[in-house]
Amino acid sequence: PWGIVDFDKARRIILQDYRNTKLGTITLDQVDEEPYYPADGEESHNG
Protein backbone atom coordinates (compact mmCIF):
# COMPACT_ATOMS: atom_id res chain seq x y z
CA PRO A 1 0.00 0.00 0.00
CA TRP A 2 1.11 3.56 -0.75
CA GLY A 3 2.07 5.80 2.15
CA ILE A 4 3.36 3.07 4.47
CA VAL A 5 7.13 2.67 4.55
CA ASP A 6 8.49 -0.75 5.49
CA PHE A 7 11.78 0.37 7.07
CA ASP A 8 12.81 -3.20 7.89
CA LYS A 9 12.46 -4.25 4.25
CA ALA A 10 14.31 -1.12 3.08
CA ARG A 11 17.11 -1.81 5.57
CA ARG A 12 17.47 -5.39 4.35
CA ILE A 13 17.56 -4.35 0.68
CA ILE A 14 20.17 -1.63 1.30
CA LEU A 15 22.39 -3.93 3.37
CA GLN A 16 22.09 -6.73 0.80
CA ASP A 17 23.00 -4.38 -2.06
CA TYR A 18 25.90 -2.97 -0.04
CA ARG A 19 27.24 -6.44 0.72
CA ASN A 20 26.92 -7.45 -2.95
CA THR A 21 28.76 -4.24 -4.00
CA LYS A 22 25.79 -3.04 -6.03
CA LEU A 23 25.92 0.42 -4.42
CA GLY A 24 29.47 1.22 -5.46
CA THR A 25 31.71 3.23 -3.18
CA ILE A 26 29.85 5.02 -0.41
CA THR A 27 30.95 6.78 2.76
CA LEU A 28 29.22 6.19 6.09
CA ASP A 29 31.14 8.84 8.04
CA GLN A 30 29.49 11.28 10.43
CA VAL A 31 29.99 14.94 9.53
CA ASP A 32 30.90 17.12 12.53
CA GLU A 33 30.35 20.55 10.99
CA GLU A 34 27.49 22.43 9.39
CA PRO A 35 27.51 22.83 5.61
CA TYR A 36 28.70 26.16 4.19
CA TYR A 37 26.10 28.23 2.37
CA PRO A 38 27.50 31.40 0.74
CA ALA A 39 25.50 34.60 1.15
CA ASP A 40 24.00 36.27 -1.91
CA GLY A 41 26.78 37.63 -4.11
CA GLU A 42 29.52 35.85 -2.14
CA GLU A 43 31.77 33.37 -3.93
CA SER A 44 31.59 29.77 -2.80
CA HIS A 45 34.68 28.17 -1.28
CA ASN A 46 35.40 25.03 -3.27
CA GLY A 47 37.99 23.05 -1.37
C-alpha atoms as a PDB file:
ATOM      1  CA  PRO A   1       0.000   0.000   0.000  1.00  0.00           C
ATOM      2  CA  TRP A   2       1.109   3.559  -0.746  1.00  0.00           C
ATOM      3  CA  GLY A   3       2.074   5.797   2.151  1.00  0.00           C
ATOM      4  CA  ILE A   4       3.359   3.071   4.473  1.00  0.00           C
ATOM      5  CA  VAL A   5       7.133   2.668   4.551  1.00  0.00           C
ATOM      6  CA  ASP A   6       8.492  -0.747   5.494  1.00  0.00           C
ATOM      7  CA  PHE A   7      11.778   0.367   7.074  1.00  0.00           C
ATOM      8  CA  ASP A   8      12.815  -3.205   7.888  1.00  0.00           C
ATOM      9  CA  LYS A   9      12.460  -4.248   4.248  1.00  0.00           C
ATOM     10  CA  ALA A  10      14.312  -1.117   3.080  1.00  0.00           C
ATOM     11  CA  ARG A  11      17.110  -1.808   5.570  1.00  0.00           C
ATOM     12  CA  ARG A  12      17.471  -5.391   4.354  1.00  0.00           C
ATOM     13  CA  ILE A  13      17.564  -4.349   0.684  1.00  0.00           C
ATOM     14  CA  ILE A  14      20.166  -1.634   1.299  1.00  0.00           C
ATOM     15  CA  LEU A  15      22.388  -3.930   3.367  1.00  0.00           C
ATOM     16  CA  GLN A  16      22.091  -6.729   0.803  1.00  0.00           C
ATOM     17  CA  ASP A  17      22.999  -4.382  -2.064  1.00  0.00           C
ATOM     18  CA  TYR A  18      25.903  -2.967  -0.040  1.00  0.00           C
ATOM     19  CA  ARG A  19      27.237  -6.445   0.722  1.00  0.00           C
ATOM     20  CA  ASN A  20      26.918  -7.446  -2.949  1.00  0.00           C
ATOM     21  CA  THR A  21      28.763  -4.243  -3.998  1.00  0.00           C
ATOM     22  CA  LYS A  22      25.788  -3.036  -6.034  1.00  0.00           C
ATOM     23  CA  LEU A  23      25.921   0.419  -4.419  1.00  0.00           C
ATOM     24  CA  GLY A  24      29.470   1.218  -5.458  1.00  0.00           C
ATOM     25  CA  THR A  25      31.708   3.234  -3.181  1.00  0.00           C
ATOM     26  CA  ILE A  26      29.848   5.023  -0.407  1.00  0.00           C
ATOM     27  CA  THR A  27      30.947   6.780   2.761  1.00  0.00           C
ATOM     28  CA  LEU A  28      29.219   6.194   6.090  1.00  0.00           C
ATOM     29  CA  ASP A  29      31.143   8.842   8.042  1.00  0.00           C
ATOM     30  CA  GLN A  30      29.493  11.282  10.430  1.00  0.00           C
ATOM     31  CA  VAL A  31      29.990  14.939   9.528  1.00  0.00           C
ATOM     32  CA  ASP A  32      30.897  17.120  12.526  1.00  0.00           C
ATOM     33  CA  GLU A  33      30.354  20.550  10.992  1.00  0.00           C
ATOM     34  CA  GLU A  34      27.489  22.433   9.394  1.00  0.00           C
ATOM     35  CA  PRO A  35      27.506  22.826   5.605  1.00  0.00           C
ATOM     36  CA  TYR A  36      28.696  26.163   4.195  1.00  0.00           C
ATOM     37  CA  TYR A  37      26.098  28.228   2.365  1.00  0.00           C
ATOM     38  CA  PRO A  38      27.498  31.401   0.741  1.00  0.00           C
ATOM     39  CA  ALA A  39      25.503  34.603   1.151  1.00  0.00           C
ATOM     40  CA  ASP A  40      24.000  36.275  -1.910  1.00  0.00           C
ATOM     41  CA  GLY A  41      26.782  37.631  -4.107  1.00  0.00           C
ATOM     42  CA  GLU A  42      29.521  35.850  -2.139  1.00  0.00           C
ATOM     43  CA  GLU A  43      31.771  33.367  -3.928  1.00  0.00           C
ATOM     44  CA  SER A  44      31.587  29.765  -2.797  1.00  0.00           C
ATOM     45  CA  HIS A  45      34.683  28.175  -1.281  1.00  0.00           C
ATOM     46  CA  ASN A  46      35.398  25.027  -3.275  1.00  0.00           C
ATOM     47  CA  GLY A  47      37.993  23.052  -1.374  1.00  0.00           C
END
